[in-house]
PDB file of N, CA and C in Angstrom:
ATOM      1  N   UNK A   1      13.835  50.495  -0.825  1.00  0.00           N
ATOM      2  CA  UNK A   1      14.219  49.342  -0.020  1.00  0.00           C
ATOM      3  C   UNK A   1      13.072  48.334  -0.003  1.00  0.00           C
ATOM      4  N   UNK A   2      13.410  47.062  -0.164  1.00  0.00           N
ATOM      5  CA  UNK A   2      12.392  46.013  -0.168  1.00  0.00           C
ATOM      6  C   UNK A   2      11.869  45.770   1.239  1.00  0.00           C
ATOM      7  N   UNK A   3      10.603  45.431   1.291  1.00  0.00           N
ATOM      8  CA  UNK A   3       9.980  45.067   2.559  1.00  0.00           C
ATOM      9  C   UNK A   3      10.404  43.644   2.902  1.00  0.00           C
ATOM     10  N   UNK A   4      11.020  43.454   4.030  1.00  0.00           N
ATOM     11  CA  UNK A   4      11.511  42.132   4.429  1.00  0.00           C
ATOM     12  C   UNK A   4      10.384  41.118   4.531  1.00  0.00           C
ATOM     13  N   UNK A   5       9.194  41.566   4.872  1.00  0.00           N
ATOM     14  CA  UNK A   5       8.074  40.638   5.008  1.00  0.00           C
ATOM     15  C   UNK A   5       7.554  40.175   3.651  1.00  0.00           C
ATOM     16  N   UNK A   6       7.881  40.908   2.585  1.00  0.00           N
ATOM     17  CA  UNK A   6       7.365  40.572   1.262  1.00  0.00           C
ATOM     18  C   UNK A   6       8.066  39.374   0.640  1.00  0.00           C
ATOM     19  N   UNK A   7       9.308  39.117   1.004  1.00  0.00           N
ATOM     20  CA  UNK A   7      10.012  37.986   0.414  1.00  0.00           C
ATOM     21  C   UNK A   7      10.233  36.915   1.477  1.00  0.00           C
ATOM     22  N   UNK A   8      10.128  35.628   1.052  1.00  0.00           N
ATOM     23  CA  UNK A   8      10.308  34.556   2.027  1.00  0.00           C
ATOM     24  C   UNK A   8      11.742  34.494   2.519  1.00  0.00           C
ATOM     25  N   UNK A   9      11.902  34.119   3.760  1.00  0.00           N
ATOM     26  CA  UNK A   9      13.252  33.979   4.305  1.00  0.00           C
ATOM     27  C   UNK A   9      13.919  32.786   3.642  1.00  0.00           C
ATOM     28  N   UNK A  10      15.250  32.758   3.604  1.00  0.00           N
ATOM     29  CA  UNK A  10      15.938  31.642   2.981  1.00  0.00           C
ATOM     30  C   UNK A  10      15.564  30.293   3.584  1.00  0.00           C
ATOM     31  N   UNK A  11      15.193  30.279   4.865  1.00  0.00           N
ATOM     32  CA  UNK A  11      14.850  29.018   5.518  1.00  0.00           C
ATOM     33  C   UNK A  11      13.480  28.511   5.101  1.00  0.00           C
ATOM     34  N   UNK A  12      12.609  29.398   4.628  1.00  0.00           N
ATOM     35  CA  UNK A  12      11.262  28.993   4.235  1.00  0.00           C
ATOM     36  C   UNK A  12      11.100  29.232   2.741  1.00  0.00           C
ATOM     37  N   UNK A  13      11.200  28.173   1.975  1.00  0.00           N
ATOM     38  CA  UNK A  13      11.088  28.271   0.532  1.00  0.00           C
ATOM     39  C   UNK A  13       9.621  28.112   0.130  1.00  0.00           C
ATOM     40  N   UNK A  14       9.166  28.804  -0.923  1.00  0.00           N
ATOM     41  CA  UNK A  14       7.773  28.681  -1.350  1.00  0.00           C
ATOM     42  C   UNK A  14       7.399  27.249  -1.737  1.00  0.00           C
ATOM     43  N   UNK A  15       8.343  26.479  -2.260  1.00  0.00           N
ATOM     44  CA  UNK A  15       8.057  25.118  -2.682  1.00  0.00           C
ATOM     45  C   UNK A  15       8.058  24.135  -1.529  1.00  0.00           C
ATOM     46  N   UNK A  16       8.480  24.562  -0.346  1.00  0.00           N
ATOM     47  CA  UNK A  16       8.617  23.632   0.769  1.00  0.00           C
ATOM     48  C   UNK A  16       7.290  22.999   1.177  1.00  0.00           C
ATOM     49  N   UNK A  17       6.186  23.638   0.836  1.00  0.00           N
ATOM     50  CA  UNK A  17       4.886  23.085   1.191  1.00  0.00           C
ATOM     51  C   UNK A  17       4.305  22.194   0.101  1.00  0.00           C
ATOM     52  N   UNK A  18       4.914  22.201  -1.089  1.00  0.00           N
ATOM     53  CA  UNK A  18       4.310  21.484  -2.199  1.00  0.00           C
ATOM     54  C   UNK A  18       5.143  20.333  -2.740  1.00  0.00           C
ATOM     55  N   UNK A  19       6.424  20.308  -2.501  1.00  0.00           N
ATOM     56  CA  UNK A  19       7.273  19.247  -3.022  1.00  0.00           C
ATOM     57  C   UNK A  19       7.683  18.299  -1.910  1.00  0.00           C
ATOM     58  N   UNK A  20       8.065  17.073  -2.309  1.00  0.00           N
ATOM     59  CA  UNK A  20       8.526  16.124  -1.291  1.00  0.00           C
ATOM     60  C   UNK A  20       9.668  16.725  -0.476  1.00  0.00           C
ATOM     61  N   UNK A  21       9.705  16.383   0.769  1.00  0.00           N
ATOM     62  CA  UNK A  21      10.670  16.981   1.677  1.00  0.00           C
ATOM     63  C   UNK A  21      12.038  16.359   1.629  1.00  0.00           C
ATOM     64  N   UNK A  22      12.838  16.799   2.546  1.00  0.00           N
ATOM     65  CA  UNK A  22      14.220  16.360   2.627  1.00  0.00           C
ATOM     66  C   UNK A  22      14.307  14.862   2.884  1.00  0.00           C
ATOM     67  N   UNK A  23      13.322  14.277   3.541  1.00  0.00           N
ATOM     68  CA  UNK A  23      13.340  12.828   3.789  1.00  0.00           C
ATOM     69  C   UNK A  23      13.297  12.053   2.477  1.00  0.00           C
ATOM     70  N   UNK A  24      12.525  12.556   1.508  1.00  0.00           N
ATOM     71  CA  UNK A  24      12.452  11.902   0.206  1.00  0.00           C
ATOM     72  C   UNK A  24      13.787  12.015  -0.515  1.00  0.00           C
ATOM     73  N   UNK A  25      14.382  13.191  -0.467  1.00  0.00           N
ATOM     74  CA  UNK A  25      15.688  13.381  -1.096  1.00  0.00           C
ATOM     75  C   UNK A  25      16.713  12.481  -0.417  1.00  0.00           C
ATOM     76  N   UNK A  26      16.667  12.399   0.907  1.00  0.00           N
ATOM     77  CA  UNK A  26      17.605  11.540   1.639  1.00  0.00           C
ATOM     78  C   UNK A  26      17.419  10.085   1.237  1.00  0.00           C
ATOM     79  N   UNK A  27      16.193   9.645   1.032  1.00  0.00           N
ATOM     80  CA  UNK A  27      15.930   8.271   0.616  1.00  0.00           C
ATOM     81  C   UNK A  27      16.551   8.006  -0.752  1.00  0.00           C
ATOM     82  N   UNK A  28      16.383   8.950  -1.665  1.00  0.00           N
ATOM     83  CA  UNK A  28      16.963   8.797  -2.997  1.00  0.00           C
ATOM     84  C   UNK A  28      18.483   8.746  -2.909  1.00  0.00           C
ATOM     85  N   UNK A  29      19.062   9.632  -2.123  1.00  0.00           N
ATOM     86  CA  UNK A  29      20.520   9.653  -1.950  1.00  0.00           C
ATOM     87  C   UNK A  29      20.992   8.322  -1.381  1.00  0.00           C
ATOM     88  N   UNK A  30      20.282   7.786  -0.400  1.00  0.00           N
ATOM     89  CA  UNK A  30      20.669   6.525   0.230  1.00  0.00           C
ATOM     90  C   UNK A  30      20.592   5.370  -0.755  1.00  0.00           C
ATOM     91  N   UNK A  31      19.591   5.397  -1.654  1.00  0.00           N
ATOM     92  CA  UNK A  31      19.481   4.348  -2.663  1.00  0.00           C
ATOM     93  C   UNK A  31      20.646   4.409  -3.644  1.00  0.00           C
ATOM     94  N   UNK A  32      21.060   5.615  -3.992  1.00  0.00           N
ATOM     95  CA  UNK A  32      22.150   5.798  -4.948  1.00  0.00           C
ATOM     96  C   UNK A  32      23.507   5.606  -4.280  1.00  0.00           C
ATOM     97  N   UNK A  33      23.622   6.079  -3.056  1.00  0.00           N
ATOM     98  CA  UNK A  33      24.894   6.083  -2.334  1.00  0.00           C
ATOM     99  C   UNK A  33      24.684   5.417  -0.975  1.00  0.00           C
ATOM    100  N   UNK A  34      24.686   4.092  -0.936  1.00  0.00           N
ATOM    101  CA  UNK A  34      24.397   3.413   0.335  1.00  0.00           C
ATOM    102  C   UNK A  34      25.455   3.714   1.401  1.00  0.00           C
ATOM    103  N   UNK A  35      25.035   3.649   2.680  1.00  0.00           N
ATOM    104  CA  UNK A  35      25.982   3.916   3.772  1.00  0.00           C
ATOM    105  C   UNK A  35      27.232   3.038   3.708  1.00  0.00           C
ATOM    106  N   UNK A  36      27.097   1.834   3.156  1.00  0.00           N
ATOM    107  CA  UNK A  36      28.242   0.920   3.070  1.00  0.00           C
ATOM    108  C   UNK A  36      29.345   1.453   2.159  1.00  0.00           C
ATOM    109  N   UNK A  37      29.035   2.461   1.325  1.00  0.00           N
ATOM    110  CA  UNK A  37      30.042   3.026   0.422  1.00  0.00           C
ATOM    111  C   UNK A  37      31.056   3.883   1.167  1.00  0.00           C
ATOM    112  N   UNK A  38      30.688   4.339   2.377  1.00  0.00           N
ATOM    113  CA  UNK A  38      31.583   5.196   3.144  1.00  0.00           C
ATOM    114  C   UNK A  38      31.480   6.661   2.755  1.00  0.00           C
ATOM    115  N   UNK A  39      30.706   6.971   1.735  1.00  0.00           N
ATOM    116  CA  UNK A  39      30.515   8.346   1.278  1.00  0.00           C
ATOM    117  C   UNK A  39      29.234   8.913   1.889  1.00  0.00           C
ATOM    118  N   UNK A  40      29.229  10.208   2.142  1.00  0.00           N
ATOM    119  CA  UNK A  40      28.034  10.861   2.668  1.00  0.00           C
ATOM    120  C   UNK A  40      27.788  12.160   1.910  1.00  0.00           C
ATOM    121  N   UNK A  41      26.585  12.655   2.006  1.00  0.00           N
ATOM    122  CA  UNK A  41      26.192  13.942   1.423  1.00  0.00           C
ATOM    123  C   UNK A  41      26.130  14.954   2.555  1.00  0.00           C
ATOM    124  N   UNK A  42      26.752  16.090   2.376  1.00  0.00           N
ATOM    125  CA  UNK A  42      26.644  17.144   3.381  1.00  0.00           C
ATOM    126  C   UNK A  42      25.256  17.780   3.280  1.00  0.00           C
ATOM    127  N   UNK A  43      24.875  18.520   4.303  1.00  0.00           N
ATOM    128  CA  UNK A  43      23.592  19.218   4.292  1.00  0.00           C
ATOM    129  C   UNK A  43      23.542  20.202   3.129  1.00  0.00           C
ATOM    130  N   UNK A  44      24.641  20.906   2.872  1.00  0.00           N
ATOM    131  CA  UNK A  44      24.691  21.852   1.757  1.00  0.00           C
ATOM    132  C   UNK A  44      24.494  21.143   0.417  1.00  0.00           C
ATOM    133  N   UNK A  45      25.105  19.975   0.271  1.00  0.00           N
ATOM    134  CA  UNK A  45      24.953  19.213  -0.983  1.00  0.00           C
ATOM    135  C   UNK A  45      23.503  18.741  -1.141  1.00  0.00           C
ATOM    136  N   UNK A  46      22.885  18.313  -0.036  1.00  0.00           N
ATOM    137  CA  UNK A  46      21.476  17.890  -0.076  1.00  0.00           C
ATOM    138  C   UNK A  46      20.584  19.064  -0.461  1.00  0.00           C
ATOM    139  N   UNK A  47      20.839  20.225   0.134  1.00  0.00           N
ATOM    140  CA  UNK A  47      20.055  21.424  -0.186  1.00  0.00           C
ATOM    141  C   UNK A  47      20.224  21.807  -1.653  1.00  0.00           C
ATOM    142  N   UNK A  48      21.448  21.715  -2.155  1.00  0.00           N
ATOM    143  CA  UNK A  48      21.705  22.021  -3.561  1.00  0.00           C
ATOM    144  C   UNK A  48      20.973  21.045  -4.464  1.00  0.00           C
ATOM    145  N   UNK A  49      20.982  19.772  -4.096  1.00  0.00           N
ATOM    146  CA  UNK A  49      20.262  18.762  -4.875  1.00  0.00           C
ATOM    147  C   UNK A  49      18.769  19.078  -4.902  1.00  0.00           C
ATOM    148  N   UNK A  50      18.215  19.491  -3.768  1.00  0.00           N
ATOM    149  CA  UNK A  50      16.800  19.856  -3.700  1.00  0.00           C
ATOM    150  C   UNK A  50      16.518  21.050  -4.611  1.00  0.00           C
ATOM    151  N   UNK A  51      17.379  22.049  -4.581  1.00  0.00           N
ATOM    152  CA  UNK A  51      17.212  23.223  -5.456  1.00  0.00           C
ATOM    153  C   UNK A  51      17.229  22.802  -6.921  1.00  0.00           C
ATOM    154  N   UNK A  52      18.143  21.903  -7.269  1.00  0.00           N
ATOM    155  CA  UNK A  52      18.215  21.422  -8.653  1.00  0.00           C
ATOM    156  C   UNK A  52      16.939  20.681  -9.041  1.00  0.00           C
ATOM    157  N   UNK A  53      16.426  19.863  -8.143  1.00  0.00           N
ATOM    158  CA  UNK A  53      15.173  19.137  -8.408  1.00  0.00           C
ATOM    159  C   UNK A  53      14.031  20.107  -8.659  1.00  0.00           C
ATOM    160  N   UNK A  54      13.928  21.120  -7.825  1.00  0.00           N
ATOM    161  CA  UNK A  54      12.869  22.116  -7.964  1.00  0.00           C
ATOM    162  C   UNK A  54      12.990  22.838  -9.301  1.00  0.00           C
ATOM    163  N   UNK A  55      14.206  23.246  -9.658  1.00  0.00           N
ATOM    164  CA  UNK A  55      14.417  23.937 -10.934  1.00  0.00           C
ATOM    165  C   UNK A  55      14.062  23.047 -12.113  1.00  0.00           C
ATOM    166  N   UNK A  56      14.458  21.784 -12.053  1.00  0.00           N
ATOM    167  CA  UNK A  56      14.170  20.854 -13.141  1.00  0.00           C
ATOM    168  C   UNK A  56      12.661  20.639 -13.283  1.00  0.00           C
ATOM    169  N   UNK A  57      11.982  20.399 -12.173  1.00  0.00           N
ATOM    170  CA  UNK A  57      10.528  20.193 -12.205  1.00  0.00           C
ATOM    171  C   UNK A  57       9.820  21.438 -12.723  1.00  0.00           C
ATOM    172  N   UNK A  58      10.275  22.606 -12.287  1.00  0.00           N
ATOM    173  CA  UNK A  58       9.678  23.861 -12.743  1.00  0.00           C
ATOM    174  C   UNK A  58       9.882  24.047 -14.239  1.00  0.00           C
ATOM    175  N   UNK A  59      11.069  23.767 -14.730  1.00  0.00           N
ATOM    176  CA  UNK A  59      11.373  23.902 -16.149  1.00  0.00           C
ATOM    177  C   UNK A  59      10.499  22.983 -16.998  1.00  0.00           C
ATOM    178  N   UNK A  60      10.434  21.712 -16.633  1.00  0.00           N
ATOM    179  CA  UNK A  60       9.648  20.741 -17.398  1.00  0.00           C
ATOM    180  C   UNK A  60       8.160  21.072 -17.311  1.00  0.00           C
ATOM    181  N   UNK A  61       7.691  21.425 -16.127  1.00  0.00           N
ATOM    182  CA  UNK A  61       6.274  21.763 -15.940  1.00  0.00           C
ATOM    183  C   UNK A  61       5.871  22.974 -16.759  1.00  0.00           C
ATOM    184  N   UNK A  62       6.715  23.978 -16.756  1.00  0.00           N
ATOM    185  CA  UNK A  62       6.422  25.197 -17.508  1.00  0.00           C
ATOM    186  C   UNK A  62       6.357  24.914 -19.003  1.00  0.00           C
ATOM    187  N   UNK A  63       7.314  24.155 -19.507  1.00  0.00           N
ATOM    188  CA  UNK A  63       7.325  23.815 -20.930  1.00  0.00           C
ATOM    189  C   UNK A  63       6.124  22.948 -21.291  1.00  0.00           C
ATOM    190  N   UNK A  64       5.790  21.970 -20.447  1.00  0.00           N
ATOM    191  CA  UNK A  64       4.626  21.115 -20.700  1.00  0.00           C
ATOM    192  C   UNK A  64       3.342  21.941 -20.686  1.00  0.00           C
ATOM    193  N   UNK A  65       3.272  22.924 -19.798  1.00  0.00           N
ATOM    194  CA  UNK A  65       2.111  23.812 -19.746  1.00  0.00           C
ATOM    195  C   UNK A  65       1.994  24.615 -21.039  1.00  0.00           C
ATOM    196  N   UNK A  66       3.113  25.157 -21.518  1.00  0.00           N
ATOM    197  CA  UNK A  66       3.105  25.914 -22.776  1.00  0.00           C
ATOM    198  C   UNK A  66       2.628  25.038 -23.929  1.00  0.00           C
ATOM    199  N   UNK A  67       3.096  23.805 -23.970  1.00  0.00           N
ATOM    200  CA  UNK A  67       2.701  22.878 -25.037  1.00  0.00           C
ATOM    201  C   UNK A  67       1.211  22.587 -24.963  1.00  0.00           C
ATOM    202  N   UNK A  68       0.699  22.329 -23.765  1.00  0.00           N
ATOM    203  CA  UNK A  68      -0.733  22.027 -23.630  1.00  0.00           C
ATOM    204  C   UNK A  68      -1.585  23.233 -24.001  1.00  0.00           C
ATOM    205  N   UNK A  69      -1.128  24.433 -23.649  1.00  0.00           N
ATOM    206  CA  UNK A  69      -1.874  25.643 -24.008  1.00  0.00           C
ATOM    207  C   UNK A  69      -1.903  25.852 -25.520  1.00  0.00           C
ATOM    208  N   UNK A  70      -0.783  25.579 -26.198  1.00  0.00           N
ATOM    209  CA  UNK A  70      -0.740  25.703 -27.660  1.00  0.00           C
ATOM    210  C   UNK A  70      -1.709  24.736 -28.326  1.00  0.00           C
ATOM    211  N   UNK A  71      -1.955  23.600 -27.670  1.00  0.00           N
ATOM    212  CA  UNK A  71      -2.897  22.606 -28.191  1.00  0.00           C
ATOM    213  C   UNK A  71      -4.317  22.854 -27.668  1.00  0.00           C
ATOM    214  N   UNK A  72      -4.512  23.974 -26.991  1.00  0.00           N
ATOM    215  CA  UNK A  72      -5.810  24.342 -26.416  1.00  0.00           C
ATOM    216  C   UNK A  72      -6.343  23.279 -25.451  1.00  0.00           C
ATOM    217  N   UNK A  73      -5.439  22.681 -24.699  1.00  0.00           N
ATOM    218  CA  UNK A  73      -5.826  21.686 -23.693  1.00  0.00           C
ATOM    219  C   UNK A  73      -5.792  22.337 -22.318  1.00  0.00           C
ATOM    220  N   UNK A  74      -6.689  21.894 -21.464  1.00  0.00           N
ATOM    221  CA  UNK A  74      -6.740  22.442 -20.112  1.00  0.00           C
ATOM    222  C   UNK A  74      -6.025  21.552 -19.101  1.00  0.00           C
ATOM    223  N   UNK A  75      -5.634  20.368 -19.546  1.00  0.00           N
ATOM    224  CA  UNK A  75      -4.948  19.431 -18.668  1.00  0.00           C
ATOM    225  C   UNK A  75      -3.613  19.038 -19.283  1.00  0.00           C
ATOM    226  N   UNK A  76      -2.571  19.094 -18.487  1.00  0.00           N
ATOM    227  CA  UNK A  76      -1.264  18.643 -18.956  1.00  0.00           C
ATOM    228  C   UNK A  76      -1.255  17.121 -18.880  1.00  0.00           C
ATOM    229  N   UNK A  77      -1.016  16.484 -20.025  1.00  0.00           N
ATOM    230  CA  UNK A  77      -1.008  15.025 -20.122  1.00  0.00           C
ATOM    231  C   UNK A  77       0.422  14.513 -20.261  1.00  0.00           C
ATOM    232  N   UNK A  78       0.580  13.202 -20.158  1.00  0.00           N
ATOM    233  CA  UNK A  78       1.912  12.591 -20.282  1.00  0.00           C
ATOM    234  C   UNK A  78       2.580  12.973 -21.599  1.00  0.00           C
ATOM    235  N   UNK A  79       1.804  13.050 -22.678  1.00  0.00           N
ATOM    236  CA  UNK A  79       2.425  13.397 -23.963  1.00  0.00           C
ATOM    237  C   UNK A  79       2.981  14.818 -23.960  1.00  0.00           C
ATOM    238  N   UNK A  80       2.395  15.713 -23.164  1.00  0.00           N
ATOM    239  CA  UNK A  80       2.932  17.068 -23.053  1.00  0.00           C
ATOM    240  C   UNK A  80       4.266  17.059 -22.313  1.00  0.00           C
ATOM    241  N   UNK A  81       4.361  16.263 -21.275  1.00  0.00           N
ATOM    242  CA  UNK A  81       5.622  16.134 -20.538  1.00  0.00           C
ATOM    243  C   UNK A  81       6.678  15.506 -21.445  1.00  0.00           C
ATOM    244  N   UNK A  82       6.269  14.497 -22.197  1.00  0.00           N
ATOM    245  CA  UNK A  82       7.197  13.846 -23.131  1.00  0.00           C
ATOM    246  C   UNK A  82       7.724  14.855 -24.160  1.00  0.00           C
ATOM    247  N   UNK A  83       6.832  15.652 -24.739  1.00  0.00           N
ATOM    248  CA  UNK A  83       7.255  16.670 -25.712  1.00  0.00           C
ATOM    249  C   UNK A  83       8.169  17.709 -25.054  1.00  0.00           C
ATOM    250  N   UNK A  84       7.839  18.088 -23.833  1.00  0.00           N
ATOM    251  CA  UNK A  84       8.664  19.070 -23.120  1.00  0.00           C
ATOM    252  C   UNK A  84      10.075  18.525 -22.910  1.00  0.00           C
ATOM    253  N   UNK A  85      10.170  17.280 -22.481  1.00  0.00           N
ATOM    254  CA  UNK A  85      11.487  16.674 -22.284  1.00  0.00           C
ATOM    255  C   UNK A  85      12.272  16.663 -23.595  1.00  0.00           C
ATOM    256  N   UNK A  86      11.606  16.306 -24.677  1.00  0.00           N
ATOM    257  CA  UNK A  86      12.267  16.244 -25.985  1.00  0.00           C
ATOM    258  C   UNK A  86      12.737  17.638 -26.422  1.00  0.00           C
ATOM    259  N   UNK A  87      11.845  18.629 -26.305  1.00  0.00           N
ATOM    260  CA  UNK A  87      12.162  19.984 -26.752  1.00  0.00           C
ATOM    261  C   UNK A  87      13.257  20.643 -25.920  1.00  0.00           C
ATOM    262  N   UNK A  88      13.367  20.252 -24.666  1.00  0.00           N
ATOM    263  CA  UNK A  88      14.370  20.845 -23.779  1.00  0.00           C
ATOM    264  C   UNK A  88      15.696  20.078 -23.787  1.00  0.00           C
ATOM    265  N   UNK A  89      15.767  19.039 -24.618  1.00  0.00           N
ATOM    266  CA  UNK A  89      17.019  18.292 -24.746  1.00  0.00           C
ATOM    267  C   UNK A  89      17.179  17.145 -23.768  1.00  0.00           C
ATOM    268  N   UNK A  90      16.094  16.683 -23.187  1.00  0.00           N
ATOM    269  CA  UNK A  90      16.146  15.579 -22.234  1.00  0.00           C
ATOM    270  C   UNK A  90      15.496  14.325 -22.797  1.00  0.00           C
ATOM    271  N   UNK A  91      15.624  14.111 -24.113  1.00  0.00           N
ATOM    272  CA  UNK A  91      14.984  12.967 -24.766  1.00  0.00           C
ATOM    273  C   UNK A  91      15.452  11.633 -24.180  1.00  0.00           C
ATOM    274  N   UNK A  92      16.682  11.583 -23.687  1.00  0.00           N
ATOM    275  CA  UNK A  92      17.196  10.344 -23.092  1.00  0.00           C
ATOM    276  C   UNK A  92      16.402   9.915 -21.863  1.00  0.00           C
ATOM    277  N   UNK A  93      15.718  10.861 -21.216  1.00  0.00           N
ATOM    278  CA  UNK A  93      14.939  10.553 -20.011  1.00  0.00           C
ATOM    279  C   UNK A  93      13.572   9.954 -20.333  1.00  0.00           C
ATOM    280  N   UNK A  94      13.112  10.132 -21.552  1.00  0.00           N
ATOM    281  CA  UNK A  94      11.729   9.769 -21.905  1.00  0.00           C
ATOM    282  C   UNK A  94      11.396   8.302 -21.623  1.00  0.00           C
ATOM    283  N   UNK A  95      12.203   7.329 -22.035  1.00  0.00           N
ATOM    284  CA  UNK A  95      11.839   5.934 -21.741  1.00  0.00           C
ATOM    285  C   UNK A  95      11.652   5.668 -20.244  1.00  0.00           C
ATOM    286  N   UNK A  96      12.536   6.217 -19.421  1.00  0.00           N
ATOM    287  CA  UNK A  96      12.414   6.007 -17.973  1.00  0.00           C
ATOM    288  C   UNK A  96      11.175   6.704 -17.414  1.00  0.00           C
ATOM    289  N   UNK A  97      10.902   7.910 -17.892  1.00  0.00           N
ATOM    290  CA  UNK A  97       9.726   8.653 -17.424  1.00  0.00           C
ATOM    291  C   UNK A  97       8.448   7.909 -17.794  1.00  0.00           C
ATOM    292  N   UNK A  98       8.377   7.422 -19.026  1.00  0.00           N
ATOM    293  CA  UNK A  98       7.185   6.681 -19.457  1.00  0.00           C
ATOM    294  C   UNK A  98       7.030   5.367 -18.695  1.00  0.00           C
ATOM    295  N   UNK A  99       8.146   4.717 -18.377  1.00  0.00           N
ATOM    296  CA  UNK A  99       8.086   3.483 -17.588  1.00  0.00           C
ATOM    297  C   UNK A  99       7.562   3.762 -16.182  1.00  0.00           C
ATOM    298  N   UNK A 100       8.026   4.847 -15.576  1.00  0.00           N
ATOM    299  CA  UNK A 100       7.540   5.219 -14.241  1.00  0.00           C
ATOM    300  C   UNK A 100       6.056   5.575 -14.301  1.00  0.00           C
ATOM    301  N   UNK A 101       5.643   6.281 -15.349  1.00  0.00           N
ATOM    302  CA  UNK A 101       4.227   6.643 -15.500  1.00  0.00           C
ATOM    303  C   UNK A 101       3.370   5.381 -15.622  1.00  0.00           C
ATOM    304  N   UNK A 102       3.852   4.402 -16.374  1.00  0.00           N
ATOM    305  CA  UNK A 102       3.112   3.139 -16.529  1.00  0.00           C
ATOM    306  C   UNK A 102       3.044   2.388 -15.208  1.00  0.00           C
ATOM    307  N   UNK A 103       4.144   2.339 -14.476  1.00  0.00           N
ATOM    308  CA  UNK A 103       4.150   1.692 -13.153  1.00  0.00           C
ATOM    309  C   UNK A 103       3.157   2.376 -12.221  1.00  0.00           C
ATOM    310  N   UNK A 104       3.117   3.693 -12.276  1.00  0.00           N
ATOM    311  CA  UNK A 104       2.192   4.455 -11.430  1.00  0.00           C
ATOM    312  C   UNK A 104       0.748   4.099 -11.765  1.00  0.00           C
ATOM    313  N   UNK A 105       0.429   4.021 -13.062  1.00  0.00           N
ATOM    314  CA  UNK A 105      -0.932   3.639 -13.479  1.00  0.00           C
ATOM    315  C   UNK A 105      -1.294   2.257 -12.948  1.00  0.00           C
ATOM    316  N   UNK A 106      -0.348   1.335 -13.035  1.00  0.00           N
ATOM    317  CA  UNK A 106      -0.594  -0.022 -12.549  1.00  0.00           C
ATOM    318  C   UNK A 106      -0.819  -0.038 -11.040  1.00  0.00           C
ATOM    319  N   UNK A 107      -0.041   0.730 -10.310  1.00  0.00           N
ATOM    320  CA  UNK A 107      -0.207   0.807  -8.857  1.00  0.00           C
ATOM    321  C   UNK A 107      -1.566   1.396  -8.498  1.00  0.00           C
ATOM    322  N   UNK A 108      -1.999   2.402  -9.259  1.00  0.00           N
ATOM    323  CA  UNK A 108      -3.320   2.982  -9.017  1.00  0.00           C
ATOM    324  C   UNK A 108      -4.421   1.952  -9.247  1.00  0.00           C
ATOM    325  N   UNK A 109      -4.272   1.142 -10.286  1.00  0.00           N
ATOM    326  CA  UNK A 109      -5.256   0.095 -10.572  1.00  0.00           C
ATOM    327  C   UNK A 109      -5.330  -0.896  -9.416  1.00  0.00           C
ATOM    328  N   UNK A 110      -4.168  -1.304  -8.921  1.00  0.00           N
ATOM    329  CA  UNK A 110      -4.113  -2.257  -7.812  1.00  0.00           C
ATOM    330  C   UNK A 110      -4.759  -1.651  -6.571  1.00  0.00           C
ATOM    331  N   UNK A 111      -4.429  -0.406  -6.273  1.00  0.00           N
ATOM    332  CA  UNK A 111      -5.007   0.263  -5.101  1.00  0.00           C
ATOM    333  C   UNK A 111      -6.520   0.385  -5.236  1.00  0.00           C
ATOM    334  N   UNK A 112      -6.978   0.758  -6.409  1.00  0.00           N
ATOM    335  CA  UNK A 112      -8.407   0.927  -6.633  1.00  0.00           C
ATOM    336  C   UNK A 112      -9.127  -0.416  -6.520  1.00  0.00           C
ATOM    337  N   UNK A 113      -8.538  -1.453  -7.120  1.00  0.00           N
ATOM    338  CA  UNK A 113      -9.137  -2.789  -7.049  1.00  0.00           C
ATOM    339  C   UNK A 113      -9.174  -3.274  -5.607  1.00  0.00           C
ATOM    340  N   UNK A 114      -8.101  -3.069  -4.875  1.00  0.00           N
ATOM    341  CA  UNK A 114      -8.044  -3.469  -3.471  1.00  0.00           C
ATOM    342  C   UNK A 114      -9.109  -2.728  -2.668  1.00  0.00           C
ATOM    343  N   UNK A 115      -9.267  -1.440  -2.948  1.00  0.00           N
ATOM    344  CA  UNK A 115     -10.282  -0.646  -2.263  1.00  0.00           C
ATOM    345  C   UNK A 115     -11.675  -1.197  -2.562  1.00  0.00           C
ATOM    346  N   UNK A 116     -11.966  -1.464  -3.825  1.00  0.00           N
ATOM    347  CA  UNK A 116     -13.287  -1.973  -4.195  1.00  0.00           C
ATOM    348  C   UNK A 116     -13.554  -3.333  -3.570  1.00  0.00           C
ATOM    349  N   UNK A 117     -12.539  -4.183  -3.565  1.00  0.00           N
ATOM    350  CA  UNK A 117     -12.713  -5.523  -3.003  1.00  0.00           C
ATOM    351  C   UNK A 117     -12.878  -5.498  -1.490  1.00  0.00           C
ATOM    352  N   UNK A 118     -12.371  -4.478  -0.843  1.00  0.00           N
ATOM    353  CA  UNK A 118     -12.459  -4.411   0.613  1.00  0.00           C
ATOM    354  C   UNK A 118     -13.772  -3.810   1.090  1.00  0.00           C
ATOM    355  N   UNK A 119     -14.533  -3.215   0.187  1.00  0.00           N
ATOM    356  CA  UNK A 119     -15.790  -2.571   0.550  1.00  0.00           C
ATOM    357  C   UNK A 119     -16.923  -3.588   0.621  1.00  0.00           C
ATOM    358  N   UNK A 120     -17.802  -3.388   1.541  1.00  0.00           N
ATOM    359  CA  UNK A 120     -18.996  -4.232   1.639  1.00  0.00           C
ATOM    360  C   UNK A 120     -20.115  -3.510   0.895  1.00  0.00           C
ATOM    361  N   UNK A 121     -20.558  -4.086  -0.200  1.00  0.00           N
ATOM    362  CA  UNK A 121     -21.573  -3.462  -1.035  1.00  0.00           C
ATOM    363  C   UNK A 121     -22.980  -3.956  -0.705  1.00  0.00           C
ATOM    364  N   UNK A 122     -23.098  -4.672   0.401  1.00  0.00           N
ATOM    365  CA  UNK A 122     -24.404  -5.191   0.807  1.00  0.00           C
ATOM    366  C   UNK A 122     -25.193  -4.087   1.493  1.00  0.00           C
ATOM    367  N   UNK A 123     -26.463  -3.927   1.109  1.00  0.00           N
ATOM    368  CA  UNK A 123     -27.318  -2.883   1.723  1.00  0.00           C
ATOM    369  C   UNK A 123     -27.644  -3.213   3.134  1.00  0.00           C
TER     370      UNK A 123
END
């Protein structure tokens, strides 16, 4: 018989501390399905969507990790994620993923520049 304390309860998922929460999923759902549409997502549907997101991220991450290890790299880079998407049959997602990655880089530059400009470098 399994020890009940050894496995997490259904209410507490191991990923719950590391992935964006239900508020993020709700925001995405609201962007796709605005309240004005009259349609809503049930809690079960939201939970299922979260499970699917976790599985997808785990699948892509694992494949990207395998690719980086085969190349003797210690860091998973964007090209590893791109190769993982291609190898797993998600090549159609690559342009959008690369566009989001580029937007993220640009936002980081803006944040860093804003931070540097806001600092007083006078001794």
